Amino acid sequence: MSERIPVILNPAARSTQAAAREKVIRALTPEPEMFLTTAPGEATEIATHLASKGRPLIVAAGGDGTMNEVLQGLCRVNAKRSSREKHSALGVLPVGTMNVFSLELGLPSQDISACWARLTNGRLREIDLWMANEHYFVQLAGVGLDAEIIQETPWERKKRLGPLSYVVSAVQVLGRTPPVLRVKVEGRPDLLGSVVLIGAGKHYGGPVKVFPQAKTQDGLLDLLIFRQLGGWEFAQMVRALLENGYDTALDLDYLQVREFTVMAEPEAPYELDGELVQDRTPVHFRPAPFRLSVAV
């Protein structure tokens, strides 16, 4: 009998439906091996243990937070392996508040059984893996206001309001004076802005393709640098971007690069894959020394 595929589940994801979601996942075929988290950071510990044991596929069941925690654990183990050794692959079962990476992979997010069938069919795709300082990410990142919005969104509000919780936090944050961000790219003059959004894939924060030219296998990050704007101007510009796409008249810079550094005055928070990092600027973005295999 083949080894069961481990699933790391955050039972608090969509907590009002937690028991029902867990029951559905346990009833999937082939039957998964369940690991339930009880505290922040535990998914990373479990993923580290499983990857160290040589498990070929580790599935994160939850939202972006669970996915990012699992990613850190398996990547830390993969980083110690040579290119000739077998790396642990990542699977995503989207049952949390939001999972942008599952959208990027084209997984059937609204059908757990169909998604599980895709994850267990043995097909893998190798994609770009990125680092911000010493943290890994695969889909998106942001420095400045968007990270502040995440910072100001407590779990209790996310549990109660779902994605709307970020809108509530945005109202609180957008009235503040944004930091001055400096983006340093080798061979280019420094670029100044108030917000930096980074896309490894097309999607950012939901189904809207904020980075329509981004690809997960091109070795490049797509950058949107909003110049010196106040919070409400930023909000209006984002709305215009979402409704009409990019406009050369908009007060922003767009570029594709492999490596860059963001500095801020004063220091600013940053987020990776929709999760706040317990670190602040300066932050150096670069390719990881290996790529990531994902179940598709």
Protein backbone atom coordinates (compact mmCIF):
# COMPACT_ATOMS: atom_id res chain seq x y z
CA MET A 1 0.00 0.00 0.00
CA SER A 2 1.40 3.40 -0.97
CA GLU A 3 2.13 6.00 1.68
CA ARG A 4 -0.74 8.36 2.43
CA ILE A 5 -0.28 12.00 1.42
CA PRO A 6 0.12 14.29 4.45
CA VAL A 7 -2.28 17.23 4.77
CA ILE A 8 -1.52 20.02 7.23
CA LEU A 9 -4.82 21.61 8.18
CA ASN A 10 -5.45 24.84 10.01
CA PRO A 11 -8.72 23.94 11.78
CA ALA A 12 -9.41 27.62 12.49
CA ALA A 13 -9.66 28.43 8.78
CA ARG A 14 -13.31 29.36 8.11
CA SER A 15 -13.79 28.40 11.76
CA THR A 16 -17.59 28.34 11.65
CA GLN A 17 -17.27 25.49 9.14
CA ALA A 18 -14.16 23.94 10.66
CA ALA A 19 -15.65 20.64 11.78
CA ALA A 20 -17.46 20.11 8.48
CA ARG A 21 -14.35 20.95 6.44
CA GLU A 22 -12.19 18.57 8.44
CA LYS A 23 -14.77 15.80 8.00
CA VAL A 24 -14.87 16.35 4.24
CA ILE A 25 -11.07 16.27 3.97
CA ARG A 26 -10.77 13.10 6.06
CA ALA A 27 -13.29 11.41 3.74
CA LEU A 28 -11.31 12.16 0.57
CA THR A 29 -10.06 9.34 -1.63
CA PRO A 30 -7.25 8.39 -1.45
CA GLU A 31 -7.42 8.98 2.30
CA PRO A 32 -5.01 11.69 3.47
CA GLU A 33 -2.83 11.61 6.57
CA MET A 34 -4.06 14.51 8.68
CA PHE A 35 -1.94 16.88 10.77
CA LEU A 36 -3.89 19.59 12.64
CA THR A 37 -2.20 22.80 13.77
CA THR A 38 -2.96 24.33 17.15
CA ALA A 39 -0.87 27.52 17.10
CA PRO A 40 0.77 29.98 14.69
CA GLY A 41 4.02 28.62 13.28
CA GLU A 42 3.15 25.01 13.94
CA ALA A 43 2.49 24.29 10.27
CA THR A 44 6.13 25.20 9.57
CA GLU A 45 7.34 22.78 12.24
CA ILE A 46 5.16 19.96 10.91
CA ALA A 47 6.23 20.60 7.31
CA THR A 48 9.89 20.64 8.36
CA HIS A 49 9.49 17.27 10.08
CA LEU A 50 7.65 15.71 7.13
CA ALA A 51 10.13 17.01 4.56
CA SER A 52 13.03 15.78 6.69
CA LYS A 53 11.46 12.33 6.57
CA GLY A 54 11.55 12.49 2.78
CA ARG A 55 7.83 12.86 2.16
CA PRO A 56 7.53 13.61 -1.57
CA LEU A 57 4.38 15.79 -1.34
CA ILE A 58 3.12 17.93 1.55
CA VAL A 59 -0.31 19.56 1.23
CA ALA A 60 -1.31 22.79 2.98
CA ALA A 61 -5.06 22.95 3.71
CA GLY A 62 -6.18 26.45 4.64
CA GLY A 63 -5.63 29.97 3.40
CA ASP A 64 -2.54 31.88 2.36
CA GLY A 65 -1.21 31.83 5.92
CA THR A 66 -1.17 28.05 6.19
CA MET A 67 0.33 27.74 2.70
CA ASN A 68 3.11 30.18 3.53
CA GLU A 69 3.94 28.42 6.81
CA VAL A 70 4.14 25.04 5.08
CA LEU A 71 6.27 26.59 2.33
CA GLN A 72 8.83 27.85 4.87
CA GLY A 73 9.20 24.42 6.43
CA LEU A 74 9.63 22.32 3.33
CA CYS A 75 11.89 24.91 1.64
CA ARG A 76 14.24 25.01 4.63
CA VAL A 77 14.71 21.27 4.23
CA ASN A 78 14.94 21.41 0.43
CA ALA A 79 17.63 24.09 0.76
CA LYS A 80 19.91 21.53 2.41
CA ARG A 81 19.54 19.07 -0.48
CA SER A 82 21.52 19.05 -3.70
CA SER A 83 19.87 19.41 -7.09
CA ARG A 84 20.34 15.66 -7.59
CA GLU A 85 18.40 14.78 -4.43
CA LYS A 86 14.63 14.48 -4.32
CA HIS A 87 12.93 17.66 -3.08
CA SER A 88 9.58 17.70 -1.27
CA ALA A 89 6.78 19.20 -3.39
CA LEU A 90 4.00 21.53 -2.22
CA GLY A 91 0.29 20.93 -2.63
CA VAL A 92 -2.45 23.47 -1.83
CA LEU A 93 -5.97 22.56 -0.74
CA PRO A 94 -7.73 25.95 -0.50
CA VAL A 95 -10.18 25.93 2.41
CA GLY A 96 -9.21 29.16 4.18
CA THR A 97 -10.27 32.81 3.98
CA MET A 98 -8.27 33.39 0.82
CA ASN A 99 -5.74 31.39 -1.20
CA VAL A 100 -4.39 33.38 -4.13
CA PHE A 101 -1.79 30.75 -5.04
CA SER A 102 -4.49 28.17 -5.78
CA LEU A 103 -6.01 30.62 -8.27
CA GLU A 104 -2.64 31.01 -9.95
CA LEU A 105 -2.28 27.24 -10.29
CA GLY A 106 -5.78 26.97 -11.76
CA LEU A 107 -7.00 24.60 -9.05
CA PRO A 108 -10.78 24.11 -8.60
CA SER A 109 -10.95 26.08 -5.36
CA GLN A 110 -14.69 25.61 -4.84
CA ASP A 111 -14.61 21.82 -5.10
CA ILE A 112 -12.41 20.09 -2.52
CA SER A 113 -12.84 16.63 -4.05
CA ALA A 114 -11.91 17.84 -7.53
CA CYS A 115 -8.95 19.74 -6.13
CA TRP A 116 -7.77 16.66 -4.22
CA ALA A 117 -8.01 14.59 -7.40
CA ARG A 118 -5.70 17.10 -9.09
CA LEU A 119 -3.23 17.07 -6.19
CA THR A 120 -3.02 13.29 -6.07
CA ASN A 121 -2.66 12.59 -9.79
CA GLY A 122 1.13 12.66 -9.54
CA ARG A 123 1.59 15.62 -11.89
CA LEU A 124 4.07 18.27 -10.73
CA ARG A 125 5.09 21.63 -12.13
CA GLU A 126 8.41 23.31 -11.34
CA ILE A 127 8.05 27.04 -10.70
CA ASP A 128 10.17 29.97 -9.59
CA LEU A 129 10.84 30.28 -5.88
CA TRP A 130 11.73 33.63 -4.36
CA MET A 131 13.30 34.97 -1.19
CA ALA A 132 12.79 38.20 0.72
CA ASN A 133 15.70 38.45 3.15
CA GLU A 134 15.64 34.88 4.54
CA HIS A 135 11.93 34.16 3.94
CA TYR A 136 10.50 32.23 0.98
CA PHE A 137 7.51 33.20 -1.17
CA VAL A 138 5.93 32.02 -4.42
CA GLN A 139 3.07 34.32 -5.42
CA LEU A 140 3.19 37.91 -4.23
CA ALA A 141 4.73 40.40 -1.86
CA GLY A 142 4.17 43.99 -0.83
CA VAL A 143 6.00 46.72 1.04
CA GLY A 144 4.22 49.65 2.68
CA LEU A 145 0.48 50.23 2.86
CA ASP A 146 -0.74 46.78 1.86
CA ALA A 147 1.47 45.19 4.54
CA GLU A 148 0.11 47.70 7.05
CA ILE A 149 -3.43 46.66 6.14
CA ILE A 150 -2.57 43.03 6.86
CA GLN A 151 -0.83 44.10 10.07
CA GLU A 152 -3.99 45.89 11.20
CA THR A 153 -6.31 42.93 10.47
CA PRO A 154 -6.68 40.72 13.56
CA TRP A 155 -7.60 37.07 13.23
CA GLU A 156 -10.90 37.65 15.03
CA ARG A 157 -11.96 40.12 12.32
CA LYS A 158 -10.91 37.76 9.52
CA LYS A 159 -12.88 34.97 11.19
CA ARG A 160 -15.97 37.17 11.41
CA LEU A 161 -15.84 39.06 8.11
CA GLY A 162 -13.64 37.00 5.79
CA PRO A 163 -12.08 39.04 2.91
CA LEU A 164 -14.18 42.07 3.93
CA SER A 165 -11.98 42.35 7.03
CA TYR A 166 -9.17 43.75 4.87
CA VAL A 167 -11.47 46.48 3.58
CA VAL A 168 -12.23 47.54 7.16
CA SER A 169 -8.50 47.69 7.94
CA ALA A 170 -7.80 49.60 4.72
CA VAL A 171 -10.15 52.37 5.81
CA GLN A 172 -8.10 52.71 9.01
CA VAL A 173 -4.71 52.63 7.26
CA LEU A 174 -5.28 54.71 4.13
CA GLY A 175 -5.67 57.97 6.05
CA ARG A 176 -2.09 57.76 7.32
CA THR A 177 0.99 59.32 5.77
CA PRO A 178 2.76 56.55 3.84
CA PRO A 179 6.49 55.85 4.23
CA VAL A 180 8.97 56.92 1.56
CA LEU A 181 10.17 53.76 -0.17
CA ARG A 182 13.38 53.56 -2.20
CA VAL A 183 13.71 50.71 -4.72
CA LYS A 184 17.30 49.92 -5.64
CA VAL A 185 17.91 47.90 -8.82
CA GLU A 186 21.46 47.36 -10.03
CA GLY A 187 22.21 49.42 -13.13
CA ARG A 188 19.20 51.73 -12.70
CA PRO A 189 18.59 55.01 -10.87
CA ASP A 190 16.78 54.56 -7.54
CA LEU A 191 12.98 54.65 -7.81
CA LEU A 192 10.94 56.36 -5.09
CA GLY A 193 7.41 55.49 -4.10
CA SER A 194 4.93 55.05 -1.29
CA VAL A 195 3.86 51.46 -2.07
CA VAL A 196 5.64 48.59 -3.80
CA LEU A 197 3.60 45.62 -5.03
CA ILE A 198 5.46 42.54 -6.26
CA GLY A 199 4.03 39.72 -8.35
CA ALA A 200 5.62 36.36 -9.05
CA GLY A 201 2.31 35.39 -10.68
CA LYS A 202 -0.60 37.25 -12.24
CA HIS A 203 -2.95 37.33 -9.22
CA TYR A 204 -2.69 39.71 -6.29
CA GLY A 205 -5.14 39.58 -3.40
CA GLY A 206 -7.88 37.71 -5.26
CA PRO A 207 -9.14 36.80 -8.73
CA VAL A 208 -8.07 40.07 -10.38
CA LYS A 209 -4.91 39.74 -12.48
CA VAL A 210 -3.00 42.79 -11.28
CA PHE A 211 0.15 41.51 -13.03
CA PRO A 212 -1.16 40.27 -16.41
CA GLN A 213 2.35 39.80 -17.85
CA ALA A 214 3.73 37.85 -14.89
CA LYS A 215 4.68 34.18 -15.26
CA THR A 216 5.62 31.69 -12.57
CA GLN A 217 8.42 30.23 -14.69
CA ASP A 218 10.12 33.25 -16.30
CA GLY A 219 12.65 34.00 -13.54
CA LEU A 220 11.35 37.55 -13.12
CA LEU A 221 9.36 39.49 -10.55
CA ASP A 222 6.86 42.11 -11.73
CA LEU A 223 6.99 45.38 -9.77
CA LEU A 224 4.44 48.15 -9.43
CA ILE A 225 5.89 51.18 -7.69
CA PHE A 226 3.33 53.81 -6.72
CA ARG A 227 5.05 57.18 -6.48
CA GLN A 228 4.63 59.68 -3.65
CA LEU A 229 0.92 59.32 -2.94
CA GLY A 230 -1.32 59.61 0.06
CA GLY A 231 -3.42 56.66 1.11
CA TRP A 232 -6.64 57.76 -0.54
CA GLU A 233 -4.89 58.56 -3.82
CA PHE A 234 -3.40 55.07 -3.69
CA ALA A 235 -6.84 53.54 -3.14
CA GLN A 236 -8.26 55.44 -6.11
CA MET A 237 -5.37 54.36 -8.31
CA VAL A 238 -5.78 50.71 -7.35
CA ARG A 239 -9.45 50.94 -8.27
CA ALA A 240 -8.51 52.37 -11.67
CA LEU A 241 -5.97 49.59 -12.20
CA LEU A 242 -8.48 46.88 -11.35
CA GLU A 243 -11.17 48.34 -13.60
CA ASN A 244 -9.15 49.47 -16.59
CA GLY A 245 -5.68 47.93 -16.41
CA TYR A 246 -2.46 49.92 -16.54
CA ASP A 247 -2.46 53.43 -17.91
CA THR A 248 0.74 55.26 -18.77
CA ALA A 249 -0.79 58.42 -17.31
CA LEU A 250 -1.02 56.83 -13.89
CA ASP A 251 1.60 57.90 -11.39
CA LEU A 252 3.46 54.61 -11.19
CA ASP A 253 6.50 52.70 -12.41
CA TYR A 254 6.25 49.16 -13.77
CA LEU A 255 9.22 46.89 -14.37
CA GLN A 256 10.34 43.26 -14.41
CA VAL A 257 13.54 42.35 -12.59
CA ARG A 258 15.27 39.39 -10.94
CA GLU A 259 16.69 41.11 -7.88
CA PHE A 260 16.22 44.38 -5.99
CA THR A 261 16.17 45.96 -2.54
CA VAL A 262 13.48 48.10 -0.92
CA MET A 263 14.49 50.59 1.77
CA ALA A 264 12.11 52.85 3.69
CA GLU A 265 12.05 55.99 5.79
CA PRO A 266 10.73 55.35 8.35
CA GLU A 267 11.01 51.55 8.46
CA ALA A 268 8.04 49.81 6.85
CA PRO A 269 6.50 46.34 7.18
CA TYR A 270 6.30 43.90 4.30
CA GLU A 271 4.18 40.87 3.51
CA LEU A 272 4.79 37.67 1.56
CA ASP A 273 2.00 35.62 -0.01
CA GLY A 274 -0.50 37.75 1.90
CA GLU A 275 1.08 37.12 5.30
CA LEU A 276 2.86 39.71 7.41
CA VAL A 277 6.53 38.94 8.05
CA GLN A 278 7.96 39.54 11.51
CA ASP A 279 10.65 41.70 9.97
CA ARG A 280 10.86 45.18 8.48
CA THR A 281 12.74 47.04 5.77
CA PRO A 282 15.31 47.01 4.32
CA VAL A 283 14.28 43.88 2.41
CA HIS A 284 16.26 42.24 -0.39
CA PHE A 285 14.27 40.28 -3.00
CA ARG A 286 16.08 37.63 -5.02
CA PRO A 287 15.62 34.18 -6.60
CA ALA A 288 16.00 31.22 -4.26
CA PRO A 289 18.94 28.92 -5.14
CA PHE A 290 16.51 26.17 -6.20
CA ARG A 291 13.03 25.96 -7.73
CA LEU A 292 9.82 24.60 -6.19
CA SER A 293 7.77 21.64 -7.38
CA VAL A 294 4.02 22.07 -6.92
CA ALA A 295 1.18 19.60 -7.43
CA VAL A 296 -1.16 20.65 -10.23
